[in-house]
Protein backbone atom coordinates (compact mmCIF):
# COMPACT_ATOMS: atom_id res chain seq x y z
CA MET A 1 0.00 0.00 0.00
CA SER A 2 1.37 3.39 -0.99
CA ALA A 3 1.88 6.23 1.47
CA ALA A 4 -1.08 8.10 -0.03
CA GLU A 5 -3.35 5.05 0.37
CA GLN A 6 -2.20 4.60 3.95
CA THR A 7 -3.00 8.24 4.66
CA LEU A 8 -6.48 7.89 3.18
CA ALA A 9 -7.06 4.64 5.07
CA SER A 10 -6.41 6.41 8.33
CA GLY A 11 -9.72 7.99 9.35
CA ASN A 12 -8.07 10.62 11.53
CA ALA A 13 -5.89 11.83 8.66
CA VAL A 14 -8.81 12.48 6.28
CA PRO A 15 -10.57 15.85 6.72
CA LEU A 16 -14.22 15.58 7.66
CA SER A 17 -15.23 17.31 4.42
CA LEU A 18 -13.52 14.54 2.41
CA ARG A 19 -14.93 11.49 4.20
CA GLY A 20 -17.87 11.00 1.88
CA PRO A 21 -21.36 12.41 1.48
CA ALA A 22 -23.38 13.80 4.36
CA PRO A 23 -26.17 11.69 5.86
CA THR A 24 -29.20 11.30 3.60
CA ARG A 25 -31.38 13.35 5.96
CA VAL A 26 -28.98 16.29 5.71
CA VAL A 27 -28.74 16.07 1.93
CA ALA A 28 -32.53 15.82 1.55
CA GLY A 29 -33.09 18.74 3.90
CA TYR A 30 -30.53 20.89 2.11
CA GLY A 31 -32.05 20.11 -1.27
CA PHE A 32 -35.53 20.92 -0.04
CA TRP A 33 -34.35 24.22 1.40
CA LEU A 34 -33.05 25.10 -2.07
CA PHE A 35 -36.50 24.31 -3.48
CA LEU A 36 -38.15 26.52 -0.85
CA LEU A 37 -35.78 29.37 -1.69
CA SER A 38 -36.76 29.12 -5.36
CA ASP A 39 -40.42 29.16 -4.32
CA ILE A 40 -39.86 32.23 -2.16
CA ILE A 41 -38.31 33.99 -5.15
CA ILE A 42 -41.51 33.30 -7.12
CA PHE A 43 -43.66 34.74 -4.34
CA ALA A 44 -41.34 37.74 -4.00
CA ALA A 45 -41.92 38.50 -7.69
CA LEU A 46 -45.68 38.14 -7.23
CA PHE A 47 -45.63 40.44 -4.20
CA ALA A 48 -43.67 43.01 -6.18
CA ALA A 49 -46.12 42.79 -9.08
CA TYR A 50 -49.08 43.21 -6.73
CA ALA A 51 -47.46 46.22 -5.03
CA VAL A 52 -47.10 47.91 -8.41
CA LEU A 53 -50.62 47.04 -9.61
CA SER A 54 -52.60 47.38 -6.37
CA GLY A 55 -53.74 50.91 -7.17
CA GLU A 56 -54.70 50.20 -10.78
CA SER A 57 -58.41 49.43 -10.37
CA ALA A 58 -59.43 50.87 -13.77
CA GLY A 59 -62.43 52.57 -12.19
CA GLY A 60 -63.66 49.29 -10.72
CA PRO A 61 -63.82 48.07 -7.12
CA THR A 62 -60.76 48.67 -4.99
CA ALA A 63 -59.22 46.46 -2.34
CA ALA A 64 -61.01 48.34 0.43
CA ASP A 65 -64.33 47.73 -1.33
CA LEU A 66 -63.81 43.99 -1.74
CA PHE A 67 -61.97 42.60 1.26
CA ASP A 68 -63.86 41.45 4.35
CA LYS A 69 -61.55 41.72 7.36
CA LYS A 70 -63.53 39.24 9.47
CA HIS A 71 -63.45 36.64 6.68
CA VAL A 72 -59.70 37.06 6.24
CA LEU A 73 -59.05 36.84 10.00
CA ILE A 74 -60.81 33.47 10.12
CA GLU A 75 -58.73 32.28 7.15
CA THR A 76 -55.54 33.41 8.85
CA ALA A 77 -56.46 31.78 12.16
CA CYS A 78 -57.11 28.47 10.41
CA LEU A 79 -53.79 28.47 8.58
CA LEU A 80 -51.73 29.56 11.58
CA ALA A 81 -53.43 26.95 13.77
CA SER A 82 -52.63 24.31 11.15
CA SER A 83 -48.96 25.23 11.46
CA VAL A 84 -49.11 24.51 15.21
CA THR A 85 -50.84 21.14 14.71
CA CYS A 86 -48.35 20.29 11.95
CA GLY A 87 -45.55 20.95 14.44
CA PHE A 88 -47.13 18.56 16.96
CA GLY A 89 -47.56 16.02 14.17
CA SER A 90 -43.88 16.31 13.24
CA LEU A 91 -42.92 15.66 16.87
CA ALA A 92 -45.16 12.58 16.84
CA VAL A 93 -43.37 11.33 13.71
CA GLN A 94 -39.99 11.77 15.41
CA SER A 95 -41.17 9.79 18.44
CA GLY A 96 -42.74 7.07 16.25
CA ASP A 97 -46.22 7.58 17.72
CA ARG A 98 -48.59 6.53 14.94
CA ASN A 99 -51.86 7.47 16.66
CA SER A 100 -50.65 10.95 17.56
CA THR A 101 -49.36 11.42 14.02
CA TYR A 102 -52.76 10.57 12.58
CA PHE A 103 -54.52 12.82 15.08
CA TRP A 104 -52.43 15.95 14.62
CA MET A 105 -52.04 15.60 10.88
CA ALA A 106 -55.79 14.99 10.47
CA ILE A 107 -56.45 18.27 12.30
CA THR A 108 -53.85 19.94 10.07
CA PHE A 109 -55.69 18.61 7.02
CA ILE A 110 -59.09 19.80 8.28
CA LEU A 111 -57.76 23.28 9.02
CA GLY A 112 -56.13 23.42 5.60
CA VAL A 113 -59.34 22.40 3.86
CA THR A 114 -61.26 25.00 5.89
CA PHE A 115 -58.77 27.66 4.80
CA LEU A 116 -59.16 26.67 1.15
CA SER A 117 -62.95 26.62 1.42
CA LEU A 118 -62.95 30.17 2.78
CA GLU A 119 -60.60 31.28 0.04
CA VAL A 120 -62.73 29.68 -2.69
CA SER A 121 -65.85 31.33 -1.25
CA GLU A 122 -64.08 34.69 -1.36
CA PHE A 123 -63.08 34.16 -4.97
CA SER A 124 -66.59 33.01 -5.88
CA HIS A 125 -68.15 36.10 -4.33
CA MET A 126 -65.76 38.39 -6.18
CA LEU A 127 -66.45 36.65 -9.48
CA SER A 128 -70.21 36.83 -8.91
CA ILE A 129 -70.09 40.64 -8.67
CA GLY A 130 -67.87 40.98 -11.73
CA ALA A 131 -64.61 41.48 -9.86
CA GLY A 132 -62.67 38.81 -11.70
CA PRO A 133 -59.00 38.81 -12.68
CA THR A 134 -59.74 40.42 -16.07
CA ARG A 135 -61.56 43.41 -14.52
CA SER A 136 -58.42 45.37 -13.66
CA ALA A 137 -54.68 45.11 -13.20
CA PHE A 138 -55.20 45.19 -9.42
CA LEU A 139 -57.48 42.15 -9.54
CA SER A 140 -55.10 40.33 -11.91
CA GLY A 141 -52.29 40.80 -9.39
CA PHE A 142 -54.52 39.78 -6.49
CA PHE A 143 -55.86 36.58 -8.05
CA THR A 144 -52.39 35.56 -9.22
CA LEU A 145 -50.72 36.08 -5.85
CA VAL A 146 -53.44 34.65 -3.59
CA GLY A 147 -54.35 31.93 -6.10
CA THR A 148 -50.74 30.76 -6.30
CA HIS A 149 -50.63 30.47 -2.52
CA GLY A 150 -53.92 28.55 -2.56
CA LEU A 151 -52.51 26.20 -5.19
CA HIS A 152 -49.54 25.50 -2.92
CA VAL A 153 -51.88 24.75 -0.01
CA THR A 154 -53.82 22.33 -2.24
CA ILE A 155 -50.60 20.56 -3.22
CA GLY A 156 -49.61 20.40 0.45
CA LEU A 157 -52.90 18.76 1.41
CA CYS A 158 -52.51 16.15 -1.35
CA TRP A 159 -48.96 15.54 -0.16
CA LEU A 160 -50.20 15.09 3.41
CA ILE A 161 -52.69 12.41 2.31
CA VAL A 162 -49.91 10.53 0.55
CA MET A 163 -47.69 10.77 3.63
CA LEU A 164 -50.39 9.40 5.93
CA LEU A 165 -50.90 6.50 3.53
CA GLN A 166 -47.17 5.84 3.64
CA VAL A 167 -47.22 5.78 7.44
CA ALA A 168 -50.09 3.28 7.29
CA THR A 169 -48.29 1.00 4.84
CA LEU A 170 -44.58 1.54 5.51
CA GLY A 171 -44.49 2.77 9.08
CA PHE A 172 -41.85 5.22 10.24
CA GLN A 173 -39.06 4.16 7.93
CA PRO A 174 -36.23 6.71 7.55
CA MET A 175 -37.43 7.81 4.11
CA VAL A 176 -40.95 8.43 5.46
CA SER A 177 -39.58 10.49 8.33
CA ARG A 178 -37.45 12.52 5.89
CA ARG A 179 -40.49 13.22 3.72
CA PHE A 180 -42.50 14.32 6.73
CA PHE A 181 -39.63 16.64 7.67
CA CYS A 182 -39.75 18.20 4.20
CA PHE A 183 -43.53 18.46 4.37
CA GLY A 184 -43.25 20.34 7.66
CA LEU A 185 -40.82 22.83 6.10
CA PHE A 186 -43.18 23.31 3.16
CA TRP A 187 -46.26 23.86 5.32
CA HIS A 188 -44.56 26.33 7.66
CA ALA A 189 -43.20 28.23 4.64
CA LEU A 190 -46.77 28.60 3.35
CA ASP A 191 -47.73 30.17 6.67
CA ILE A 192 -44.90 32.67 6.38
CA VAL A 193 -46.01 33.58 2.86
CA TRP A 194 -49.60 33.98 4.05
CA ILE A 195 -48.50 36.39 6.77
CA GLY A 196 -47.04 38.49 3.96
CA VAL A 197 -50.31 38.22 2.01
CA PHE A 198 -52.36 39.13 5.07
CA THR A 199 -50.17 42.12 5.88
CA ILE A 200 -49.53 43.53 2.42
CA VAL A 201 -52.74 42.64 0.59
CA TYR A 202 -55.50 42.64 3.19
CA LEU A 203 -54.28 44.97 5.93
CA GLY A 204 -52.71 47.25 3.33
CA ALA A 205 -56.10 47.71 1.73
CA HIS A 206 -57.44 49.43 4.85
CA LEU A 207 -54.47 51.68 5.60
């Protein structure tokens, strides 16, 4: 064995950064963070577009005319509460408690569906009075921003169903736990985005 091979064979002589890939959980988490960053860039662009277009109502209804603060507060409460229950569900996954996982994630799902139902009812009301996305630049920006967030919530709920089915069939295998970890990051990121929507779009309309 050559001197170089002997050096490499000695674990203490090889720098930590050269001893092979990081654990799968770390690699998966890092990759998913990169995905979330790309998603945040998309939302940042949509927020910027809405900020530019929010005053362009083309003589139609403005944000203050359309938005119901009580309705939006209920939406926000549902989504923020779902983030808390998702956190409890993630802790149950880490401890391998199947019943608690089902319980907390089922509540997360119900709160998410409630949020979507309220959002769809808001959109339906706006469309029924002629305040659709083609009415003005303001409404185009609003429907694009809030609709994109709603689409993400819908994808998250579908993902949650798949994850619960995997727990039922595969148990808490490492890959299932990693996917739940990524799901938790995704769901909490949606809450952060919604706080921006609530502050900039809805509260901003009444300032």
